């Protein structure tokens, strides 16, 4: 399992966002090499390493995803059709008659519209299209959209600070919880899930999700405190009632 996690980390290294500071990528590669040579490295140790770098990478990856999504909307079909071989063109034309487009193919939802013999070719076209879009986006943010891209990275850094604060408060609340150990465990698990999202080992977190998590557990604690002791019988001295 730890080897699988290292493989995920290697995939992250192979697809670093454009203009990422060199010192970050250098530290990541050094950490990767150290972990790979450490036969006793546990999955938790590797995940902790990825979370550490996730805090640094997340603003860059989030900004890059936005620009990549924009490129897909503007130029995805152009790149896709330019890669489409003649033997798939007729099938794709019929496919479009159903009211679907290249994005349905790109997402993988429409694979059943194509014959078994066509699917390997289509898969290759999709990989090539994804690589073309990634390369184009990298060139775009390094040139004509550089200032917009870096500005968006800065905005995501501000969002990250709020997410970090929410995670920190979840951990702190869990450590201070005295009466509901199960609730404390849930808080820690939720904080961990948010951190794994920053490391791309879980869905990328949003600020809203992080803030709602704290609100959810605050309300849970109030509810549990109200129930605390409700199962204990109340002793009433009927002889000394006033």
C-alpha atoms as a PDB file:
ATOM      1  CA  UNK A   1       0.000   0.000   0.000  1.00  0.00           C
ATOM      2  CA  UNK A   2       2.830   2.412   0.812  1.00  0.00           C
ATOM      3  CA  UNK A   3       4.365   1.693  -2.605  1.00  0.00           C
ATOM      4  CA  UNK A   4       1.052   2.650  -4.191  1.00  0.00           C
ATOM      5  CA  UNK A   5       1.076   5.947  -2.277  1.00  0.00           C
ATOM      6  CA  UNK A   6       4.645   6.630  -3.436  1.00  0.00           C
ATOM      7  CA  UNK A   7       3.444   6.008  -6.998  1.00  0.00           C
ATOM      8  CA  UNK A   8       0.745   8.644  -6.514  1.00  0.00           C
ATOM      9  CA  UNK A   9       3.386  11.042  -5.230  1.00  0.00           C
ATOM     10  CA  UNK A  10       5.477  10.300  -8.317  1.00  0.00           C
ATOM     11  CA  UNK A  11       2.494  11.119 -10.512  1.00  0.00           C
ATOM     12  CA  UNK A  12       2.203  14.448  -8.698  1.00  0.00           C
ATOM     13  CA  UNK A  13       5.898  15.100  -9.359  1.00  0.00           C
ATOM     14  CA  UNK A  14       5.442  14.249 -13.033  1.00  0.00           C
ATOM     15  CA  UNK A  15       2.574  16.745 -13.328  1.00  0.00           C
ATOM     16  CA  UNK A  16       3.659  19.732 -11.266  1.00  0.00           C
ATOM     17  CA  UNK A  17       1.756  22.963 -11.996  1.00  0.00           C
ATOM     18  CA  UNK A  18       3.462  25.601 -14.158  1.00  0.00           C
ATOM     19  CA  UNK A  19       5.741  28.216 -12.571  1.00  0.00           C
ATOM     20  CA  UNK A  20       5.947  26.330  -9.281  1.00  0.00           C
ATOM     21  CA  UNK A  21       8.996  27.646  -7.387  1.00  0.00           C
ATOM     22  CA  UNK A  22      12.009  25.429  -7.990  1.00  0.00           C
ATOM     23  CA  UNK A  23      12.783  25.053  -4.283  1.00  0.00           C
ATOM     24  CA  UNK A  24       9.442  23.301  -3.736  1.00  0.00           C
ATOM     25  CA  UNK A  25       9.939  20.763  -6.521  1.00  0.00           C
ATOM     26  CA  UNK A  26      13.537  20.149  -5.405  1.00  0.00           C
ATOM     27  CA  UNK A  27      12.415  19.441  -1.827  1.00  0.00           C
ATOM     28  CA  UNK A  28       9.690  17.118  -3.112  1.00  0.00           C
ATOM     29  CA  UNK A  29      12.127  15.078  -5.196  1.00  0.00           C
ATOM     30  CA  UNK A  30      14.567  14.814  -2.302  1.00  0.00           C
ATOM     31  CA  UNK A  31      11.749  13.631  -0.008  1.00  0.00           C
ATOM     32  CA  UNK A  32      10.585  11.136  -2.650  1.00  0.00           C
ATOM     33  CA  UNK A  33      14.076   9.666  -2.945  1.00  0.00           C
ATOM     34  CA  UNK A  34      14.444   9.412   0.831  1.00  0.00           C
ATOM     35  CA  UNK A  35      11.086   7.679   1.250  1.00  0.00           C
ATOM     36  CA  UNK A  36      11.694   5.327  -1.684  1.00  0.00           C
ATOM     37  CA  UNK A  37      14.981   4.181  -0.129  1.00  0.00           C
ATOM     38  CA  UNK A  38      13.435   3.742   3.300  1.00  0.00           C
ATOM     39  CA  UNK A  39      12.090   0.204   3.359  1.00  0.00           C
ATOM     40  CA  UNK A  40      10.422   0.839   6.721  1.00  0.00           C
ATOM     41  CA  UNK A  41       8.414   3.888   5.635  1.00  0.00           C
ATOM     42  CA  UNK A  42       4.761   3.334   6.532  1.00  0.00           C
ATOM     43  CA  UNK A  43       1.791   4.530   4.527  1.00  0.00           C
ATOM     44  CA  UNK A  44       1.060   7.101   7.227  1.00  0.00           C
ATOM     45  CA  UNK A  45       4.600   8.491   6.999  1.00  0.00           C
ATOM     46  CA  UNK A  46       4.304   8.840   3.222  1.00  0.00           C
ATOM     47  CA  UNK A  47       0.865  10.422   3.500  1.00  0.00           C
ATOM     48  CA  UNK A  48       2.201  12.902   6.071  1.00  0.00           C
ATOM     49  CA  UNK A  49       4.982  13.834   3.671  1.00  0.00           C
ATOM     50  CA  UNK A  50       2.472  14.360   0.869  1.00  0.00           C
ATOM     51  CA  UNK A  51       0.236  16.443   3.131  1.00  0.00           C
ATOM     52  CA  UNK A  52       3.206  18.622   4.037  1.00  0.00           C
ATOM     53  CA  UNK A  53       3.834  19.389   0.373  1.00  0.00           C
ATOM     54  CA  UNK A  54       0.101  19.519  -0.323  1.00  0.00           C
ATOM     55  CA  UNK A  55      -0.102  22.698   1.726  1.00  0.00           C
ATOM     56  CA  UNK A  56       2.467  24.257  -0.611  1.00  0.00           C
ATOM     57  CA  UNK A  57       1.137  22.804  -3.861  1.00  0.00           C
ATOM     58  CA  UNK A  58      -2.597  23.321  -3.427  1.00  0.00           C
ATOM     59  CA  UNK A  59      -2.800  27.015  -4.479  1.00  0.00           C
ATOM     60  CA  UNK A  60      -0.776  26.288  -7.618  1.00  0.00           C
ATOM     61  CA  UNK A  61      -2.720  23.152  -8.496  1.00  0.00           C
ATOM     62  CA  UNK A  62      -6.052  24.880  -7.929  1.00  0.00           C
ATOM     63  CA  UNK A  63      -5.131  27.796 -10.178  1.00  0.00           C
ATOM     64  CA  UNK A  64      -3.784  25.429 -12.824  1.00  0.00           C
ATOM     65  CA  UNK A  65      -7.016  23.407 -12.784  1.00  0.00           C
ATOM     66  CA  UNK A  66      -9.008  26.551 -13.484  1.00  0.00           C
ATOM     67  CA  UNK A  67      -6.855  27.532 -16.471  1.00  0.00           C
ATOM     68  CA  UNK A  68      -6.844  23.959 -17.766  1.00  0.00           C
ATOM     69  CA  UNK A  69     -10.635  23.840 -17.521  1.00  0.00           C
ATOM     70  CA  UNK A  70     -10.842  27.087 -19.474  1.00  0.00           C
ATOM     71  CA  UNK A  71      -8.584  25.662 -22.187  1.00  0.00           C
ATOM     72  CA  UNK A  72     -10.767  22.560 -22.388  1.00  0.00           C
ATOM     73  CA  UNK A  73     -13.848  24.708 -22.941  1.00  0.00           C
ATOM     74  CA  UNK A  74     -12.207  26.885 -25.594  1.00  0.00           C
ATOM     75  CA  UNK A  75      -9.963  24.454 -27.452  1.00  0.00           C
ATOM     76  CA  UNK A  76     -10.730  20.942 -26.301  1.00  0.00           C
ATOM     77  CA  UNK A  77     -12.820  19.995 -29.305  1.00  0.00           C
ATOM     78  CA  UNK A  78     -10.225  21.449 -31.681  1.00  0.00           C
ATOM     79  CA  UNK A  79      -7.457  19.326 -30.177  1.00  0.00           C
ATOM     80  CA  UNK A  80      -9.722  16.278 -30.009  1.00  0.00           C
ATOM     81  CA  UNK A  81     -10.788  16.461 -33.667  1.00  0.00           C
ATOM     82  CA  UNK A  82      -7.231  17.088 -34.809  1.00  0.00           C
ATOM     83  CA  UNK A  83      -6.223  13.786 -33.187  1.00  0.00           C
ATOM     84  CA  UNK A  84      -9.250  11.799 -34.359  1.00  0.00           C
ATOM     85  CA  UNK A  85      -8.306   9.197 -37.022  1.00  0.00           C
ATOM     86  CA  UNK A  86     -10.425   8.855 -40.149  1.00  0.00           C
ATOM     87  CA  UNK A  87     -11.806   5.465 -39.094  1.00  0.00           C
ATOM     88  CA  UNK A  88     -13.374   7.090 -35.999  1.00  0.00           C
ATOM     89  CA  UNK A  89     -14.740  10.184 -37.712  1.00  0.00           C
ATOM     90  CA  UNK A  90     -17.933   8.517 -38.960  1.00  0.00           C
ATOM     91  CA  UNK A  91     -18.674   6.988 -35.567  1.00  0.00           C
ATOM     92  CA  UNK A  92     -18.134  10.335 -33.891  1.00  0.00           C
ATOM     93  CA  UNK A  93     -20.452  12.048 -36.401  1.00  0.00           C
ATOM     94  CA  UNK A  94     -23.209   9.533 -35.576  1.00  0.00           C
ATOM     95  CA  UNK A  95     -22.442   9.997 -31.914  1.00  0.00           C
ATOM     96  CA  UNK A  96     -22.975  13.766 -32.199  1.00  0.00           C
ATOM     97  CA  UNK A  97     -26.378  13.145 -33.769  1.00  0.00           C
ATOM     98  CA  UNK A  98     -27.480  11.967 -30.341  1.00  0.00           C
ATOM     99  CA  UNK A  99     -26.864  15.472 -29.017  1.00  0.00           C
ATOM    100  CA  UNK A 100     -23.581  14.613 -27.312  1.00  0.00           C
ATOM    101  CA  UNK A 101     -20.207  16.212 -27.860  1.00  0.00           C
ATOM    102  CA  UNK A 102     -16.515  15.588 -27.322  1.00  0.00           C
ATOM    103  CA  UNK A 103     -16.736  16.458 -23.612  1.00  0.00           C
ATOM    104  CA  UNK A 104     -18.978  13.462 -23.006  1.00  0.00           C
ATOM    105  CA  UNK A 105     -16.304  11.304 -24.620  1.00  0.00           C
ATOM    106  CA  UNK A 106     -13.567  13.084 -22.688  1.00  0.00           C
ATOM    107  CA  UNK A 107     -15.303  12.338 -19.390  1.00  0.00           C
ATOM    108  CA  UNK A 108     -15.622   8.664 -20.291  1.00  0.00           C
ATOM    109  CA  UNK A 109     -19.414   8.688 -19.918  1.00  0.00           C
ATOM    110  CA  UNK A 110     -20.121   7.843 -23.572  1.00  0.00           C
ATOM    111  CA  UNK A 111     -17.695   4.998 -24.219  1.00  0.00           C
ATOM    112  CA  UNK A 112     -20.578   2.567 -24.900  1.00  0.00           C
ATOM    113  CA  UNK A 113     -21.500   4.463 -28.064  1.00  0.00           C
ATOM    114  CA  UNK A 114     -18.353   3.123 -29.723  1.00  0.00           C
ATOM    115  CA  UNK A 115     -17.585  -0.393 -30.897  1.00  0.00           C
ATOM    116  CA  UNK A 116     -15.151  -2.535 -28.925  1.00  0.00           C
ATOM    117  CA  UNK A 117     -12.558  -2.304 -31.712  1.00  0.00           C
ATOM    118  CA  UNK A 118     -12.803   1.510 -31.680  1.00  0.00           C
ATOM    119  CA  UNK A 119     -12.341   2.007 -27.962  1.00  0.00           C
ATOM    120  CA  UNK A 120      -8.534   1.522 -27.798  1.00  0.00           C
ATOM    121  CA  UNK A 121      -8.102   4.095 -30.592  1.00  0.00           C
ATOM    122  CA  UNK A 122     -10.474   6.455 -28.804  1.00  0.00           C
ATOM    123  CA  UNK A 123      -8.601   6.019 -25.535  1.00  0.00           C
ATOM    124  CA  UNK A 124      -5.355   6.932 -27.296  1.00  0.00           C
ATOM    125  CA  UNK A 125      -6.982  10.038 -28.798  1.00  0.00           C
ATOM    126  CA  UNK A 126      -8.224  11.119 -25.374  1.00  0.00           C
ATOM    127  CA  UNK A 127      -4.778  10.718 -23.811  1.00  0.00           C
ATOM    128  CA  UNK A 128      -3.227  12.734 -26.645  1.00  0.00           C
ATOM    129  CA  UNK A 129      -5.921  15.408 -26.303  1.00  0.00           C
ATOM    130  CA  UNK A 130      -5.300  15.650 -22.559  1.00  0.00           C
ATOM    131  CA  UNK A 131      -1.548  16.004 -23.157  1.00  0.00           C
ATOM    132  CA  UNK A 132      -2.128  18.661 -25.824  1.00  0.00           C
ATOM    133  CA  UNK A 133      -4.374  20.669 -23.496  1.00  0.00           C
ATOM    134  CA  UNK A 134      -1.919  20.361 -20.610  1.00  0.00           C
ATOM    135  CA  UNK A 135       0.972  21.505 -22.801  1.00  0.00           C
ATOM    136  CA  UNK A 136      -1.046  24.416 -24.203  1.00  0.00           C
ATOM    137  CA  UNK A 137      -2.136  25.519 -20.726  1.00  0.00           C
ATOM    138  CA  UNK A 138       1.448  25.415 -19.470  1.00  0.00           C
ATOM    139  CA  UNK A 139       2.593  27.598 -22.354  1.00  0.00           C
ATOM    140  CA  UNK A 140      -0.327  29.984 -21.911  1.00  0.00           C
ATOM    141  CA  UNK A 141       0.160  30.596 -18.185  1.00  0.00           C
ATOM    142  CA  UNK A 142       3.895  31.025 -18.691  1.00  0.00           C
ATOM    143  CA  UNK A 143       3.353  33.767 -21.279  1.00  0.00           C
ATOM    144  CA  UNK A 144       0.193  35.705 -22.147  1.00  0.00           C
ATOM    145  CA  UNK A 145      -1.733  34.725 -18.989  1.00  0.00           C
ATOM    146  CA  UNK A 146       1.175  34.698 -16.564  1.00  0.00           C
ATOM    147  CA  UNK A 147       0.034  37.674 -14.498  1.00  0.00           C
ATOM    148  CA  UNK A 148      -3.555  36.367 -14.289  1.00  0.00           C
ATOM    149  CA  UNK A 149      -2.323  32.927 -13.307  1.00  0.00           C
ATOM    150  CA  UNK A 150       0.000  34.215 -10.571  1.00  0.00           C
ATOM    151  CA  UNK A 151      -2.760  36.488  -9.302  1.00  0.00           C
ATOM    152  CA  UNK A 152      -5.090  33.509  -9.047  1.00  0.00           C
ATOM    153  CA  UNK A 153      -2.395  31.538  -7.207  1.00  0.00           C
ATOM    154  CA  UNK A 154      -2.232  34.412  -4.722  1.00  0.00           C
ATOM    155  CA  UNK A 155      -5.996  34.298  -4.253  1.00  0.00           C
ATOM    156  CA  UNK A 156      -5.907  30.562  -3.608  1.00  0.00           C
ATOM    157  CA  UNK A 157      -3.147  31.088  -1.041  1.00  0.00           C
ATOM    158  CA  UNK A 158      -5.541  33.327   0.895  1.00  0.00           C
ATOM    159  CA  UNK A 159      -8.244  30.680   0.672  1.00  0.00           C
ATOM    160  CA  UNK A 160      -5.741  28.076   1.843  1.00  0.00           C
ATOM    161  CA  UNK A 161      -5.012  30.087   4.985  1.00  0.00           C
ATOM    162  CA  UNK A 162      -8.702  29.918   5.897  1.00  0.00           C
ATOM    163  CA  UNK A 163      -8.815  26.185   5.169  1.00  0.00           C
ATOM    164  CA  UNK A 164      -5.706  25.685   7.321  1.00  0.00           C
ATOM    165  CA  UNK A 165      -7.364  27.636  10.123  1.00  0.00           C
ATOM    166  CA  UNK A 166     -10.478  25.469   9.900  1.00  0.00           C
ATOM    167  CA  UNK A 167      -8.360  22.284  10.000  1.00  0.00           C
ATOM    168  CA  UNK A 168      -6.378  23.619  12.968  1.00  0.00           C
ATOM    169  CA  UNK A 169      -9.574  24.437  14.867  1.00  0.00           C
ATOM    170  CA  UNK A 170     -10.947  20.950  14.184  1.00  0.00           C
ATOM    171  CA  UNK A 171      -7.791  19.379  15.600  1.00  0.00           C
ATOM    172  CA  UNK A 172      -7.801  21.712  18.589  1.00  0.00           C
ATOM    173  CA  UNK A 173     -11.476  21.001  19.314  1.00  0.00           C
ATOM    174  CA  UNK A 174     -10.753  17.266  19.138  1.00  0.00           C
ATOM    175  CA  UNK A 175      -7.848  17.561  21.582  1.00  0.00           C
ATOM    176  CA  UNK A 176      -9.980  19.565  24.036  1.00  0.00           C
ATOM    177  CA  UNK A 177     -12.969  17.223  23.849  1.00  0.00           C
ATOM    178  CA  UNK A 178     -13.303  15.518  27.256  1.00  0.00           C
ATOM    179  CA  UNK A 179     -16.732  13.919  27.275  1.00  0.00           C
ATOM    180  CA  UNK A 180     -17.246  12.562  23.751  1.00  0.00           C
ATOM    181  CA  UNK A 181     -14.195  10.580  22.561  1.00  0.00           C
ATOM    182  CA  UNK A 182     -16.061   9.247  19.508  1.00  0.00           C
ATOM    183  CA  UNK A 183     -16.814  12.819  18.438  1.00  0.00           C
ATOM    184  CA  UNK A 184     -13.138  13.732  18.897  1.00  0.00           C
ATOM    185  CA  UNK A 185     -12.166  10.824  16.635  1.00  0.00           C
ATOM    186  CA  UNK A 186     -14.640  12.018  13.999  1.00  0.00           C
ATOM    187  CA  UNK A 187     -13.145  15.520  14.151  1.00  0.00           C
ATOM    188  CA  UNK A 188      -9.629  14.178  13.660  1.00  0.00           C
ATOM    189  CA  UNK A 189     -10.799  11.964  10.785  1.00  0.00           C
ATOM    190  CA  UNK A 190     -12.468  14.918   9.076  1.00  0.00           C
ATOM    191  CA  UNK A 191      -9.377  17.091   9.514  1.00  0.00           C
ATOM    192  CA  UNK A 192      -7.262  14.290   8.059  1.00  0.00           C
ATOM    193  CA  UNK A 193      -9.607  13.936   5.085  1.00  0.00           C
ATOM    194  CA  UNK A 194      -9.307  17.655   4.338  1.00  0.00           C
ATOM    195  CA  UNK A 195      -5.524  17.406   4.504  1.00  0.00           C
ATOM    196  CA  UNK A 196      -5.503  14.362   2.230  1.00  0.00           C
ATOM    197  CA  UNK A 197      -7.502  16.449  -0.223  1.00  0.00           C
ATOM    198  CA  UNK A 198      -4.783  19.088  -0.208  1.00  0.00           C
ATOM    199  CA  UNK A 199      -2.347  16.289  -1.080  1.00  0.00           C
ATOM    200  CA  UNK A 200      -4.649  14.993  -3.852  1.00  0.00           C
ATOM    201  CA  UNK A 201      -5.184  11.725  -1.993  1.00  0.00           C
ATOM    202  CA  UNK A 202      -8.862  12.657  -1.619  1.00  0.00           C
ATOM    203  CA  UNK A 203     -11.166  15.168  -3.373  1.00  0.00           C
ATOM    204  CA  UNK A 204      -9.717  18.671  -3.261  1.00  0.00           C
ATOM    205  CA  UNK A 205     -11.359  20.594  -0.399  1.00  0.00           C
ATOM    206  CA  UNK A 206     -13.262  23.835  -0.782  1.00  0.00           C
ATOM    207  CA  UNK A 207     -13.366  26.620   1.777  1.00  0.00           C
ATOM    208  CA  UNK A 208     -17.080  26.020   2.242  1.00  0.00           C
ATOM    209  CA  UNK A 209     -16.515  22.347   3.066  1.00  0.00           C
ATOM    210  CA  UNK A 210     -13.834  23.209   5.615  1.00  0.00           C
ATOM    211  CA  UNK A 211     -15.978  25.832   7.346  1.00  0.00           C
ATOM    212  CA  UNK A 212     -19.086  23.647   7.323  1.00  0.00           C
ATOM    213  CA  UNK A 213     -17.119  20.820   8.930  1.00  0.00           C
ATOM    214  CA  UNK A 214     -16.338  22.993  11.958  1.00  0.00           C
ATOM    215  CA  UNK A 215     -19.932  24.213  12.133  1.00  0.00           C
ATOM    216  CA  UNK A 216     -21.243  20.644  11.882  1.00  0.00           C
ATOM    217  CA  UNK A 217     -19.119  19.395  14.768  1.00  0.00           C
ATOM    218  CA  UNK A 218     -19.902  22.442  16.901  1.00  0.00           C
ATOM    219  CA  UNK A 219     -23.602  21.648  16.519  1.00  0.00           C
ATOM    220  CA  UNK A 220     -22.996  17.944  17.191  1.00  0.00           C
ATOM    221  CA  UNK A 221     -21.203  18.788  20.412  1.00  0.00           C
ATOM    222  CA  UNK A 222     -24.046  21.020  21.594  1.00  0.00           C
ATOM    223  CA  UNK A 223     -26.530  18.233  20.860  1.00  0.00           C
ATOM    224  CA  UNK A 224     -24.445  15.579  22.630  1.00  0.00           C
ATOM    225  CA  UNK A 225     -23.964  17.841  25.653  1.00  0.00           C
ATOM    226  CA  UNK A 226     -27.728  18.250  25.878  1.00  0.00           C
ATOM    227  CA  UNK A 227     -28.112  14.456  25.869  1.00  0.00           C
ATOM    228  CA  UNK A 228     -25.325  13.822  28.369  1.00  0.00           C
ATOM    229  CA  UNK A 229     -26.787  12.219  31.475  1.00  0.00           C
ATOM    230  CA  UNK A 230     -30.269  11.882  29.999  1.00  0.00           C
ATOM    231  CA  UNK A 231     -30.150   8.108  30.568  1.00  0.00           C
ATOM    232  CA  UNK A 232     -29.477   8.496  34.284  1.00  0.00           C
ATOM    233  CA  UNK A 233     -32.560   8.190  36.551  1.00  0.00           C
ATOM    234  CA  UNK A 234     -33.424  11.263  38.553  1.00  0.00           C
ATOM    235  CA  UNK A 235     -33.728  10.637  42.322  1.00  0.00           C
ATOM    236  CA  UNK A 236     -36.629  12.486  43.919  1.00  0.00           C
ATOM    237  CA  UNK A 237     -37.174  12.676  47.680  1.00  0.00           C
ATOM    238  CA  UNK A 238     -40.962  12.764  47.901  1.00  0.00           C
ATOM    239  CA  UNK A 239     -40.859  13.091  51.713  1.00  0.00           C
ATOM    240  CA  UNK A 240     -39.009  16.376  51.733  1.00  0.00           C
ATOM    241  CA  UNK A 241     -40.788  18.172  48.910  1.00  0.00           C
ATOM    242  CA  UNK A 242     -41.718  21.720  49.789  1.00  0.00           C
END
